[in-house]
PDB file of all heavy atoms in Angstrom:
ATOM      1  N   MET A   1       3.515   9.153   5.975  1.00  0.00           N
ATOM      2  CA  MET A   1       3.922   7.784   5.656  1.00  0.00           C
ATOM      3  C   MET A   1       4.417   7.696   4.212  1.00  0.00           C
ATOM      4  O   MET A   1       5.472   7.114   3.937  1.00  0.00           O
ATOM      5  CB  MET A   1       2.750   6.828   5.879  1.00  0.00           C
ATOM      6  CG  MET A   1       2.372   6.635   7.335  1.00  0.00           C
ATOM      7  SD  MET A   1       0.896   5.581   7.491  1.00  0.00           S
ATOM      8  CE  MET A   1       0.727   5.528   9.286  1.00  0.00           C
ATOM      9  N   ALA A   2       3.643   8.292   3.299  1.00  0.00           N
ATOM     10  CA  ALA A   2       4.038   8.256   1.892  1.00  0.00           C
ATOM     11  C   ALA A   2       5.350   9.001   1.660  1.00  0.00           C
ATOM     12  O   ALA A   2       6.262   8.507   0.983  1.00  0.00           O
ATOM     13  CB  ALA A   2       2.930   8.843   1.028  1.00  0.00           C
ATOM     14  N   GLN A   3       5.468  10.203   2.245  1.00  0.00           N
ATOM     15  CA  GLN A   3       6.675  11.008   2.042  1.00  0.00           C
ATOM     16  C   GLN A   3       7.913  10.319   2.600  1.00  0.00           C
ATOM     17  O   GLN A   3       9.011  10.420   2.030  1.00  0.00           O
ATOM     18  CB  GLN A   3       6.504  12.382   2.694  1.00  0.00           C
ATOM     19  CG  GLN A   3       7.613  13.367   2.371  1.00  0.00           C
ATOM     20  CD  GLN A   3       7.684  13.692   0.893  1.00  0.00           C
ATOM     21  OE1 GLN A   3       6.686  14.108   0.305  1.00  0.00           O
ATOM     22  NE2 GLN A   3       8.844  13.485   0.284  1.00  0.00           N
ATOM     23  N   THR A   4       7.740   9.610   3.712  1.00  0.00           N
ATOM     24  CA  THR A   4       8.875   8.897   4.309  1.00  0.00           C
ATOM     25  C   THR A   4       9.463   7.897   3.327  1.00  0.00           C
ATOM     26  O   THR A   4      10.692   7.842   3.119  1.00  0.00           O
ATOM     27  CB  THR A   4       8.421   8.174   5.597  1.00  0.00           C
ATOM     28  OG1 THR A   4       8.002   9.148   6.556  1.00  0.00           O
ATOM     29  CG2 THR A   4       9.560   7.343   6.185  1.00  0.00           C
ATOM     30  N   PHE A   5       8.606   7.115   2.703  1.00  0.00           N
ATOM     31  CA  PHE A   5       9.104   6.106   1.758  1.00  0.00           C
ATOM     32  C   PHE A   5       9.632   6.747   0.476  1.00  0.00           C
ATOM     33  O   PHE A   5      10.618   6.260  -0.108  1.00  0.00           O
ATOM     34  CB  PHE A   5       7.999   5.100   1.444  1.00  0.00           C
ATOM     35  CG  PHE A   5       7.760   4.108   2.555  1.00  0.00           C
ATOM     36  CD1 PHE A   5       6.681   4.242   3.397  1.00  0.00           C
ATOM     37  CD2 PHE A   5       8.642   3.053   2.755  1.00  0.00           C
ATOM     38  CE1 PHE A   5       6.467   3.344   4.436  1.00  0.00           C
ATOM     39  CE2 PHE A   5       8.442   2.146   3.786  1.00  0.00           C
ATOM     40  CZ  PHE A   5       7.351   2.284   4.629  1.00  0.00           C
ATOM     41  N   LEU A   6       9.021   7.849   0.046  1.00  0.00           N
ATOM     42  CA  LEU A   6       9.552   8.563  -1.123  1.00  0.00           C
ATOM     43  C   LEU A   6      10.970   9.053  -0.849  1.00  0.00           C
ATOM     44  O   LEU A   6      11.870   8.907  -1.694  1.00  0.00           O
ATOM     45  CB  LEU A   6       8.646   9.744  -1.464  1.00  0.00           C
ATOM     46  CG  LEU A   6       7.272   9.426  -2.061  1.00  0.00           C
ATOM     47  CD1 LEU A   6       6.432  10.691  -2.131  1.00  0.00           C
ATOM     48  CD2 LEU A   6       7.403   8.812  -3.449  1.00  0.00           C
ATOM     49  N   ASP A   7      11.180   9.620   0.330  1.00  0.00           N
ATOM     50  CA  ASP A   7      12.492  10.133   0.692  1.00  0.00           C
ATOM     51  C   ASP A   7      13.529   9.015   0.810  1.00  0.00           C
ATOM     52  O   ASP A   7      14.731   9.253   0.624  1.00  0.00           O
ATOM     53  CB  ASP A   7      12.422  10.891   2.014  1.00  0.00           C
ATOM     54  CG  ASP A   7      11.633  12.191   1.897  1.00  0.00           C
ATOM     55  OD1 ASP A   7      11.405  12.646   0.761  1.00  0.00           O
ATOM     56  OD2 ASP A   7      11.242  12.739   2.950  1.00  0.00           O
ATOM     57  N   LEU A   8      13.061   7.814   1.129  1.00  0.00           N
ATOM     58  CA  LEU A   8      13.972   6.676   1.252  1.00  0.00           C
ATOM     59  C   LEU A   8      14.183   5.949  -0.072  1.00  0.00           C
ATOM     60  O   LEU A   8      14.850   4.911  -0.115  1.00  0.00           O
ATOM     61  CB  LEU A   8      13.439   5.695   2.305  1.00  0.00           C
ATOM     62  CG  LEU A   8      13.427   6.228   3.740  1.00  0.00           C
ATOM     63  CD1 LEU A   8      12.772   5.233   4.686  1.00  0.00           C
ATOM     64  CD2 LEU A   8      14.846   6.544   4.216  1.00  0.00           C
ATOM     65  N   GLY A   9      13.603   6.506  -1.151  1.00  0.00           N
ATOM     66  CA  GLY A   9      13.885   5.973  -2.485  1.00  0.00           C
ATOM     67  C   GLY A   9      12.875   4.985  -3.035  1.00  0.00           C
ATOM     68  O   GLY A   9      13.181   4.263  -3.992  1.00  0.00           O
ATOM     69  N   TYR A  10      11.664   4.968  -2.504  1.00  0.00           N
ATOM     70  CA  TYR A  10      10.637   4.048  -2.984  1.00  0.00           C
ATOM     71  C   TYR A  10       9.525   4.798  -3.707  1.00  0.00           C
ATOM     72  O   TYR A  10       9.154   5.911  -3.316  1.00  0.00           O
ATOM     73  CB  TYR A  10      10.018   3.276  -1.812  1.00  0.00           C
ATOM     74  CG  TYR A  10      10.957   2.289  -1.161  1.00  0.00           C
ATOM     75  CD1 TYR A  10      11.858   2.711  -0.185  1.00  0.00           C
ATOM     76  CD2 TYR A  10      10.953   0.957  -1.527  1.00  0.00           C
ATOM     77  CE1 TYR A  10      12.728   1.825   0.422  1.00  0.00           C
ATOM     78  CE2 TYR A  10      11.819   0.051  -0.921  1.00  0.00           C
ATOM     79  CZ  TYR A  10      12.701   0.486   0.050  1.00  0.00           C
ATOM     80  OH  TYR A  10      13.570  -0.397   0.636  1.00  0.00           O
ATOM     81  N   ASP A  11       8.979   4.189  -4.762  1.00  0.00           N
ATOM     82  CA  ASP A  11       7.738   4.679  -5.340  1.00  0.00           C
ATOM     83  C   ASP A  11       6.588   4.256  -4.431  1.00  0.00           C
ATOM     84  O   ASP A  11       6.634   3.179  -3.815  1.00  0.00           O
ATOM     85  CB  ASP A  11       7.511   4.091  -6.737  1.00  0.00           C
ATOM     86  CG  ASP A  11       8.445   4.704  -7.779  1.00  0.00           C
ATOM     87  OD1 ASP A  11       9.006   5.785  -7.514  1.00  0.00           O
ATOM     88  OD2 ASP A  11       8.601   4.094  -8.852  1.00  0.00           O
ATOM     89  N   VAL A  12       5.544   5.098  -4.353  1.00  0.00           N
ATOM     90  CA  VAL A  12       4.463   4.857  -3.403  1.00  0.00           C
ATOM     91  C   VAL A  12       3.110   4.922  -4.103  1.00  0.00           C
ATOM     92  O   VAL A  12       2.846   5.841  -4.892  1.00  0.00           O
ATOM     93  CB  VAL A  12       4.490   5.905  -2.260  1.00  0.00           C
ATOM     94  CG1 VAL A  12       3.276   5.729  -1.344  1.00  0.00           C
ATOM     95  CG2 VAL A  12       5.792   5.793  -1.462  1.00  0.00           C
ATOM     96  N   ASP A  13       2.262   3.950  -3.818  1.00  0.00           N
ATOM     97  CA  ASP A  13       0.846   4.005  -4.181  1.00  0.00           C
ATOM     98  C   ASP A  13       0.061   4.152  -2.884  1.00  0.00           C
ATOM     99  O   ASP A  13       0.288   3.400  -1.926  1.00  0.00           O
ATOM    100  CB  ASP A  13       0.403   2.730  -4.904  1.00  0.00           C
ATOM    101  CG  ASP A  13       1.019   2.608  -6.289  1.00  0.00           C
ATOM    102  OD1 ASP A  13       1.264   3.646  -6.910  1.00  0.00           O
ATOM    103  OD2 ASP A  13       1.248   1.466  -6.733  1.00  0.00           O
ATOM    104  N   ALA A  14      -0.866   5.122  -2.848  1.00  0.00           N
ATOM    105  CA  ALA A  14      -1.669   5.365  -1.652  1.00  0.00           C
ATOM    106  C   ALA A  14      -3.139   5.147  -1.973  1.00  0.00           C
ATOM    107  O   ALA A  14      -3.672   5.745  -2.918  1.00  0.00           O
ATOM    108  CB  ALA A  14      -1.445   6.788  -1.140  1.00  0.00           C
ATOM    109  N   ILE A  15      -3.786   4.271  -1.197  1.00  0.00           N
ATOM    110  CA  ILE A  15      -5.214   4.034  -1.340  1.00  0.00           C
ATOM    111  C   ILE A  15      -5.879   4.287   0.003  1.00  0.00           C
ATOM    112  O   ILE A  15      -5.215   4.333   1.036  1.00  0.00           O
ATOM    113  CB  ILE A  15      -5.523   2.599  -1.816  1.00  0.00           C
ATOM    114  CG1 ILE A  15      -5.058   1.567  -0.774  1.00  0.00           C
ATOM    115  CG2 ILE A  15      -4.892   2.330  -3.170  1.00  0.00           C
ATOM    116  CD1 ILE A  15      -5.464   0.138  -1.085  1.00  0.00           C
ATOM    117  N   HIS A  16      -7.195   4.450  -0.017  1.00  0.00           N
ATOM    118  CA  HIS A  16      -7.925   4.559   1.237  1.00  0.00           C
ATOM    119  C   HIS A  16      -8.079   3.167   1.831  1.00  0.00           C
ATOM    120  O   HIS A  16      -8.273   2.181   1.113  1.00  0.00           O
ATOM    121  CB  HIS A  16      -9.303   5.193   0.999  1.00  0.00           C
ATOM    122  CG  HIS A  16      -9.941   5.702   2.246  1.00  0.00           C
ATOM    123  ND1 HIS A  16     -10.548   4.875   3.167  1.00  0.00           N
ATOM    124  CD2 HIS A  16     -10.054   6.966   2.748  1.00  0.00           C
ATOM    125  CE1 HIS A  16     -11.019   5.589   4.163  1.00  0.00           C
ATOM    126  NE2 HIS A  16     -10.728   6.869   3.945  1.00  0.00           N
ATOM    127  N   CYS A  17      -8.015   3.078   3.161  1.00  0.00           N
ATOM    128  CA  CYS A  17      -8.090   1.762   3.794  1.00  0.00           C
ATOM    129  C   CYS A  17      -9.430   1.074   3.558  1.00  0.00           C
ATOM    130  O   CYS A  17      -9.542  -0.146   3.693  1.00  0.00           O
ATOM    131  CB  CYS A  17      -7.815   1.881   5.294  1.00  0.00           C
ATOM    132  SG  CYS A  17      -9.007   2.923   6.185  1.00  0.00           S
ATOM    133  N   GLU A  18     -10.463   1.849   3.186  1.00  0.00           N
ATOM    134  CA  GLU A  18     -11.769   1.259   2.899  1.00  0.00           C
ATOM    135  C   GLU A  18     -11.916   0.862   1.432  1.00  0.00           C
ATOM    136  O   GLU A  18     -12.980   0.388   1.024  1.00  0.00           O
ATOM    137  CB  GLU A  18     -12.880   2.229   3.291  1.00  0.00           C
ATOM    138  CG  GLU A  18     -12.958   2.478   4.791  1.00  0.00           C
ATOM    139  CD  GLU A  18     -14.056   3.452   5.153  1.00  0.00           C
ATOM    140  OE1 GLU A  18     -14.826   3.836   4.248  1.00  0.00           O
ATOM    141  OE2 GLU A  18     -14.147   3.822   6.332  1.00  0.00           O
ATOM    142  N   ASN A  19     -10.881   1.057   0.649  1.00  0.00           N
ATOM    143  CA  ASN A  19     -10.892   0.652  -0.758  1.00  0.00           C
ATOM    144  C   ASN A  19     -10.785  -0.870  -0.828  1.00  0.00           C
ATOM    145  O   ASN A  19      -9.714  -1.441  -0.605  1.00  0.00           O
ATOM    146  CB  ASN A  19      -9.720   1.314  -1.489  1.00  0.00           C
ATOM    147  CG  ASN A  19      -9.704   1.007  -2.978  1.00  0.00           C
ATOM    148  OD1 ASN A  19     -10.248   0.007  -3.434  1.00  0.00           O
ATOM    149  ND2 ASN A  19      -9.059   1.869  -3.734  1.00  0.00           N
ATOM    150  N   GLN A  20     -11.886  -1.526  -1.141  1.00  0.00           N
ATOM    151  CA  GLN A  20     -11.915  -2.986  -1.214  1.00  0.00           C
ATOM    152  C   GLN A  20     -11.910  -3.497  -2.644  1.00  0.00           C
ATOM    153  O   GLN A  20     -12.140  -4.683  -2.883  1.00  0.00           O
ATOM    154  CB  GLN A  20     -13.160  -3.505  -0.479  1.00  0.00           C
ATOM    155  CG  GLN A  20     -13.164  -3.202   1.009  1.00  0.00           C
ATOM    156  CD  GLN A  20     -12.047  -3.913   1.745  1.00  0.00           C
ATOM    157  OE1 GLN A  20     -12.041  -5.119   1.894  1.00  0.00           O
ATOM    158  NE2 GLN A  20     -11.074  -3.139   2.212  1.00  0.00           N
ATOM    159  N   GLY A  21     -11.651  -2.595  -3.594  1.00  0.00           N
ATOM    160  CA  GLY A  21     -11.615  -3.001  -4.996  1.00  0.00           C
ATOM    161  C   GLY A  21     -10.224  -3.003  -5.591  1.00  0.00           C
ATOM    162  O   GLY A  21     -10.015  -3.523  -6.685  1.00  0.00           O
ATOM    163  N   PHE A  22      -9.256  -2.429  -4.887  1.00  0.00           N
ATOM    164  CA  PHE A  22      -7.898  -2.336  -5.423  1.00  0.00           C
ATOM    165  C   PHE A  22      -7.237  -3.705  -5.483  1.00  0.00           C
ATOM    166  O   PHE A  22      -7.264  -4.477  -4.531  1.00  0.00           O
ATOM    167  CB  PHE A  22      -7.065  -1.403  -4.543  1.00  0.00           C
ATOM    168  CG  PHE A  22      -5.606  -1.379  -4.890  1.00  0.00           C
ATOM    169  CD1 PHE A  22      -5.141  -0.632  -5.966  1.00  0.00           C
ATOM    170  CD2 PHE A  22      -4.693  -2.119  -4.155  1.00  0.00           C
ATOM    171  CE1 PHE A  22      -3.798  -0.617  -6.290  1.00  0.00           C
ATOM    172  CE2 PHE A  22      -3.344  -2.110  -4.473  1.00  0.00           C
ATOM    173  CZ  PHE A  22      -2.893  -1.358  -5.547  1.00  0.00           C
ATOM    174  N   ILE A  23      -6.635  -3.992  -6.640  1.00  0.00           N
ATOM    175  CA  ILE A  23      -5.850  -5.215  -6.836  1.00  0.00           C
ATOM    176  C   ILE A  23      -4.458  -4.804  -7.304  1.00  0.00           C
ATOM    177  O   ILE A  23      -4.323  -4.065  -8.282  1.00  0.00           O
ATOM    178  CB  ILE A  23      -6.496  -6.147  -7.878  1.00  0.00           C
ATOM    179  CG1 ILE A  23      -7.892  -6.575  -7.414  1.00  0.00           C
ATOM    180  CG2 ILE A  23      -5.608  -7.373  -8.120  1.00  0.00           C
ATOM    181  CD1 ILE A  23      -7.909  -7.399  -6.150  1.00  0.00           C
ATOM    182  N   PRO A  24      -3.395  -5.250  -6.641  1.00  0.00           N
ATOM    183  CA  PRO A  24      -2.031  -4.869  -7.053  1.00  0.00           C
ATOM    184  C   PRO A  24      -1.704  -5.319  -8.471  1.00  0.00           C
ATOM    185  O   PRO A  24      -2.063  -6.436  -8.874  1.00  0.00           O
ATOM    186  CB  PRO A  24      -1.148  -5.599  -6.031  1.00  0.00           C
ATOM    187  CG  PRO A  24      -2.041  -5.834  -4.853  1.00  0.00           C
ATOM    188  CD  PRO A  24      -3.399  -6.067  -5.419  1.00  0.00           C
ATOM    189  N   TRP A  25      -1.047  -4.436  -9.218  1.00  0.00           N
ATOM    190  CA  TRP A  25      -0.565  -4.804 -10.543  1.00  0.00           C
ATOM    191  C   TRP A  25       0.962  -4.774 -10.601  1.00  0.00           C
ATOM    192  O   TRP A  25       1.559  -4.877 -11.654  1.00  0.00           O
ATOM    193  CB  TRP A  25      -1.140  -3.853 -11.595  1.00  0.00           C
ATOM    194  CG  TRP A  25      -0.670  -2.426 -11.463  1.00  0.00           C
ATOM    195  CD1 TRP A  25       0.431  -1.867 -12.020  1.00  0.00           C
ATOM    196  CD2 TRP A  25      -1.311  -1.379 -10.723  1.00  0.00           C
ATOM    197  NE1 TRP A  25       0.552  -0.545 -11.670  1.00  0.00           N
ATOM    198  CE2 TRP A  25      -0.518  -0.216 -10.879  1.00  0.00           C
ATOM    199  CE3 TRP A  25      -2.466  -1.312  -9.951  1.00  0.00           C
ATOM    200  CZ2 TRP A  25      -0.853   0.990 -10.276  1.00  0.00           C
ATOM    201  CZ3 TRP A  25      -2.797  -0.109  -9.365  1.00  0.00           C
ATOM    202  CH2 TRP A  25      -2.006   1.030  -9.529  1.00  0.00           C
ATOM    203  N   LYS A  26       1.579  -4.638  -9.433  1.00  0.00           N
ATOM    204  CA  LYS A  26       3.039  -4.631  -9.355  1.00  0.00           C
ATOM    205  C   LYS A  26       3.438  -5.303  -8.046  1.00  0.00           C
ATOM    206  O   LYS A  26       2.628  -5.366  -7.104  1.00  0.00           O
ATOM    207  CB  LYS A  26       3.572  -3.193  -9.397  1.00  0.00           C
ATOM    208  CG  LYS A  26       3.146  -2.359  -8.201  1.00  0.00           C
ATOM    209  CD  LYS A  26       3.676  -0.919  -8.276  1.00  0.00           C
ATOM    210  CE  LYS A  26       2.919  -0.107  -9.289  1.00  0.00           C
ATOM    211  NZ  LYS A  26       3.249   1.351  -9.159  1.00  0.00           N
ATOM    212  N   PRO A  27       4.646  -5.810  -7.931  1.00  0.00           N
ATOM    213  CA  PRO A  27       5.092  -6.395  -6.658  1.00  0.00           C
ATOM    214  C   PRO A  27       5.439  -5.295  -5.659  1.00  0.00           C
ATOM    215  O   PRO A  27       6.162  -4.353  -5.985  1.00  0.00           O
ATOM    216  CB  PRO A  27       6.339  -7.185  -7.056  1.00  0.00           C
ATOM    217  CG  PRO A  27       6.858  -6.481  -8.277  1.00  0.00           C
ATOM    218  CD  PRO A  27       5.664  -5.961  -9.004  1.00  0.00           C
ATOM    219  N   TYR A  28       4.921  -5.404  -4.441  1.00  0.00           N
ATOM    220  CA  TYR A  28       5.204  -4.415  -3.401  1.00  0.00           C
ATOM    221  C   TYR A  28       6.240  -4.955  -2.426  1.00  0.00           C
ATOM    222  O   TYR A  28       6.161  -6.098  -1.982  1.00  0.00           O
ATOM    223  CB  TYR A  28       3.933  -4.032  -2.662  1.00  0.00           C
ATOM    224  CG  TYR A  28       3.009  -3.149  -3.479  1.00  0.00           C
ATOM    225  CD1 TYR A  28       1.827  -3.649  -4.005  1.00  0.00           C
ATOM    226  CD2 TYR A  28       3.346  -1.824  -3.740  1.00  0.00           C
ATOM    227  CE1 TYR A  28       0.989  -2.842  -4.765  1.00  0.00           C
ATOM    228  CE2 TYR A  28       2.521  -1.016  -4.498  1.00  0.00           C
ATOM    229  CZ  TYR A  28       1.344  -1.528  -5.012  1.00  0.00           C
ATOM    230  OH  TYR A  28       0.528  -0.719  -5.768  1.00  0.00           O
ATOM    231  N   ASP A  29       7.207  -4.095  -2.111  1.00  0.00           N
ATOM    232  CA  ASP A  29       8.235  -4.453  -1.140  1.00  0.00           C
ATOM    233  C   ASP A  29       7.751  -4.219   0.290  1.00  0.00           C
ATOM    234  O   ASP A  29       8.200  -4.898   1.215  1.00  0.00           O
ATOM    235  CB  ASP A  29       9.503  -3.629  -1.392  1.00  0.00           C
ATOM    236  CG  ASP A  29      10.096  -3.922  -2.756  1.00  0.00           C
ATOM    237  OD1 ASP A  29      10.894  -4.870  -2.857  1.00  0.00           O
ATOM    238  OD2 ASP A  29       9.735  -3.214  -3.716  1.00  0.00           O
ATOM    239  N   VAL A  30       6.852  -3.225   0.470  1.00  0.00           N
ATOM    240  CA  VAL A  30       6.308  -2.898   1.781  1.00  0.00           C
ATOM    241  C   VAL A  30       4.829  -2.554   1.610  1.00  0.00           C
ATOM    242  O   VAL A  30       4.455  -1.877   0.648  1.00  0.00           O
ATOM    243  CB  VAL A  30       7.029  -1.697   2.432  1.00  0.00           C
ATOM    244  CG1 VAL A  30       6.482  -1.425   3.817  1.00  0.00           C
ATOM    245  CG2 VAL A  30       8.540  -1.923   2.489  1.00  0.00           C
ATOM    246  N   VAL A  31       4.008  -3.017   2.533  1.00  0.00           N
ATOM    247  CA  VAL A  31       2.602  -2.603   2.591  1.00  0.00           C
ATOM    248  C   VAL A  31       2.313  -2.129   4.009  1.00  0.00           C
ATOM    249  O   VAL A  31       2.632  -2.821   4.979  1.00  0.00           O
ATOM    250  CB  VAL A  31       1.643  -3.751   2.214  1.00  0.00           C
ATOM    251  CG1 VAL A  31       0.187  -3.318   2.442  1.00  0.00           C
ATOM    252  CG2 VAL A  31       1.828  -4.156   0.757  1.00  0.00           C
ATOM    253  N   VAL A  32       1.692  -0.946   4.119  1.00  0.00           N
ATOM    254  CA  VAL A  32       1.245  -0.396   5.394  1.00  0.00           C
ATOM    255  C   VAL A  32      -0.277  -0.327   5.348  1.00  0.00           C
ATOM    256  O   VAL A  32      -0.841   0.234   4.405  1.00  0.00           O
ATOM    257  CB  VAL A  32       1.834   1.006   5.641  1.00  0.00           C
ATOM    258  CG1 VAL A  32       1.325   1.559   6.978  1.00  0.00           C
ATOM    259  CG2 VAL A  32       3.350   0.965   5.610  1.00  0.00           C
ATOM    260  N   ASP A  33      -0.936  -0.881   6.352  1.00  0.00           N
ATOM    261  CA  ASP A  33      -2.397  -0.934   6.352  1.00  0.00           C
ATOM    262  C   ASP A  33      -2.921  -0.628   7.750  1.00  0.00           C
ATOM    263  O   ASP A  33      -2.186  -0.755   8.739  1.00  0.00           O
ATOM    264  CB  ASP A  33      -2.866  -2.324   5.898  1.00  0.00           C
ATOM    265  CG  ASP A  33      -4.378  -2.437   5.813  1.00  0.00           C
ATOM    266  OD1 ASP A  33      -5.027  -1.455   5.397  1.00  0.00           O
ATOM    267  OD2 ASP A  33      -4.918  -3.521   6.141  1.00  0.00           O
ATOM    268  N   VAL A  34      -4.211  -0.231   7.822  1.00  0.00           N
ATOM    269  CA  VAL A  34      -4.835   0.010   9.123  1.00  0.00           C
ATOM    270  C   VAL A  34      -6.128  -0.784   9.323  1.00  0.00           C
ATOM    271  O   VAL A  34      -6.717  -0.724  10.400  1.00  0.00           O
ATOM    272  CB  VAL A  34      -5.149   1.511   9.339  1.00  0.00           C
ATOM    273  CG1 VAL A  34      -3.884   2.337   9.357  1.00  0.00           C
ATOM    274  CG2 VAL A  34      -6.132   2.019   8.300  1.00  0.00           C
ATOM    275  N   ARG A  35      -6.586  -1.525   8.307  1.00  0.00           N
ATOM    276  CA  ARG A  35      -7.837  -2.258   8.477  1.00  0.00           C
ATOM    277  C   ARG A  35      -7.773  -3.654   7.846  1.00  0.00           C
ATOM    278  O   ARG A  35      -7.256  -4.572   8.441  1.00  0.00           O
ATOM    279  CB  ARG A  35      -9.022  -1.463   7.893  1.00  0.00           C
ATOM    280  CG  ARG A  35      -9.474  -0.278   8.733  1.00  0.00           C
ATOM    281  CD  ARG A  35      -9.978  -0.669  10.110  1.00  0.00           C
ATOM    282  NE  ARG A  35     -10.483   0.479  10.844  1.00  0.00           N
ATOM    283  CZ  ARG A  35      -9.732   1.295  11.571  1.00  0.00           C
ATOM    284  NH1 ARG A  35      -8.420   1.127  11.633  1.00  0.00           N
ATOM    285  NH2 ARG A  35     -10.273   2.314  12.243  1.00  0.00           N
ATOM    286  N   PHE A  36      -8.304  -3.809   6.613  1.00  0.00           N
ATOM    287  CA  PHE A  36      -8.542  -5.142   6.060  1.00  0.00           C
ATOM    288  C   PHE A  36      -7.656  -5.521   4.880  1.00  0.00           C
ATOM    289  O   PHE A  36      -7.720  -6.654   4.404  1.00  0.00           O
ATOM    290  CB  PHE A  36     -10.006  -5.259   5.606  1.00  0.00           C
ATOM    291  CG  PHE A  36     -10.989  -5.018   6.707  1.00  0.00           C
ATOM    292  CD1 PHE A  36     -11.557  -3.765   6.882  1.00  0.00           C
ATOM    293  CD2 PHE A  36     -11.343  -6.027   7.581  1.00  0.00           C
ATOM    294  CE1 PHE A  36     -12.461  -3.532   7.904  1.00  0.00           C
ATOM    295  CE2 PHE A  36     -12.241  -5.809   8.612  1.00  0.00           C
ATOM    296  CZ  PHE A  36     -12.807  -4.555   8.767  1.00  0.00           C
ATOM    297  N   ASN A  37      -6.854  -4.596   4.380  1.00  0.00           N
ATOM    298  CA  ASN A  37      -6.172  -4.886   3.126  1.00  0.00           C
ATOM    299  C   ASN A  37      -4.977  -5.815   3.258  1.00  0.00           C
ATOM    300  O   ASN A  37      -4.608  -6.471   2.289  1.00  0.00           O
ATOM    301  CB  ASN A  37      -5.774  -3.580   2.428  1.00  0.00           C
ATOM    302  CG  ASN A  37      -6.945  -2.987   1.659  1.00  0.00           C
ATOM    303  OD1 ASN A  37      -7.754  -3.720   1.099  1.00  0.00           O
ATOM    304  ND2 ASN A  37      -7.058  -1.674   1.656  1.00  0.00           N
ATOM    305  N   LEU A  38      -4.361  -5.903   4.425  1.00  0.00           N
ATOM    306  CA  LEU A  38      -3.281  -6.886   4.563  1.00  0.00           C
ATOM    307  C   LEU A  38      -3.803  -8.300   4.367  1.00  0.00           C
ATOM    308  O   LEU A  38      -3.193  -9.115   3.661  1.00  0.00           O
ATOM    309  CB  LEU A  38      -2.614  -6.767   5.941  1.00  0.00           C
ATOM    310  CG  LEU A  38      -1.487  -5.754   6.090  1.00  0.00           C
ATOM    311  CD1 LEU A  38      -0.840  -5.891   7.466  1.00  0.00           C
ATOM    312  CD2 LEU A  38      -0.437  -5.913   5.004  1.00  0.00           C
ATOM    313  N   GLN A  39      -4.930  -8.606   4.967  1.00  0.00           N
ATOM    314  CA  GLN A  39      -5.467  -9.954   4.817  1.00  0.00           C
ATOM    315  C   GLN A  39      -6.094 -10.144   3.446  1.00  0.00           C
ATOM    316  O   GLN A  39      -5.990 -11.220   2.841  1.00  0.00           O
ATOM    317  CB  GLN A  39      -6.490 -10.254   5.922  1.00  0.00           C
ATOM    318  CG  GLN A  39      -7.751  -9.417   5.880  1.00  0.00           C
ATOM    319  CD  GLN A  39      -8.554  -9.519   7.162  1.00  0.00           C
ATOM    320  OE1 GLN A  39      -8.174  -8.971   8.191  1.00  0.00           O
ATOM    321  NE2 GLN A  39      -9.678 -10.221   7.114  1.00  0.00           N
ATOM    322  N   ARG A  40      -6.752  -9.099   2.907  1.00  0.00           N
ATOM    323  CA  ARG A  40      -7.410  -9.229   1.606  1.00  0.00           C
ATOM    324  C   ARG A  40      -6.416  -9.416   0.475  1.00  0.00           C
ATOM    325  O   ARG A  40      -6.665 -10.156  -0.483  1.00  0.00           O
ATOM    326  CB  ARG A  40      -8.277  -7.982   1.346  1.00  0.00           C
ATOM    327  CG  ARG A  40      -9.104  -8.055   0.069  1.00  0.00           C
ATOM    328  CD  ARG A  40      -9.950  -6.806  -0.098  1.00  0.00           C
ATOM    329  NE  ARG A  40      -9.160  -5.637  -0.423  1.00  0.00           N
ATOM    330  CZ  ARG A  40      -8.783  -5.307  -1.654  1.00  0.00           C
ATOM    331  NH1 ARG A  40      -9.087  -6.077  -2.694  1.00  0.00           N
ATOM    332  NH2 ARG A  40      -8.077  -4.209  -1.873  1.00  0.00           N
ATOM    333  N   LEU A  41      -5.276  -8.736   0.577  1.00  0.00           N
ATOM    334  CA  LEU A  41      -4.300  -8.749  -0.515  1.00  0.00           C
ATOM    335  C   LEU A  41      -3.198  -9.795  -0.324  1.00  0.00           C
ATOM    336  O   LEU A  41      -2.251  -9.833  -1.112  1.00  0.00           O
ATOM    337  CB  LEU A  41      -3.662  -7.368  -0.659  1.00  0.00           C
ATOM    338  CG  LEU A  41      -4.624  -6.216  -0.965  1.00  0.00           C
ATOM    339  CD1 LEU A  41      -3.868  -4.899  -1.035  1.00  0.00           C
ATOM    340  CD2 LEU A  41      -5.395  -6.466  -2.249  1.00  0.00           C
ATOM    341  N   LYS A  42      -3.308 -10.632   0.661  1.00  0.00           N
ATOM    342  CA  LYS A  42      -2.249 -11.581   0.977  1.00  0.00           C
ATOM    343  C   LYS A  42      -1.809 -12.379  -0.242  1.00  0.00           C
ATOM    344  O   LYS A  42      -0.605 -12.552  -0.500  1.00  0.00           O
ATOM    345  CB  LYS A  42      -2.713 -12.527   2.082  1.00  0.00           C
ATOM    346  CG  LYS A  42      -1.671 -13.570   2.453  1.00  0.00           C
ATOM    347  CD  LYS A  42      -2.186 -14.556   3.493  1.00  0.00           C
ATOM    348  CE  LYS A  42      -1.135 -15.625   3.787  1.00  0.00           C
ATOM    349  NZ  LYS A  42      -1.636 -16.621   4.764  1.00  0.00           N
TER     350      LYS A  42
END
């Protein structure tokens, strides 16, 4: 997933889906999630 976006010209930050302490410090154009971070970071 990360390599795909790198190849398409995007910088990528990768966190574990159980990371509940991460707070974005930059605007994200795309977010991919598998658990709770889409709703937490809305």
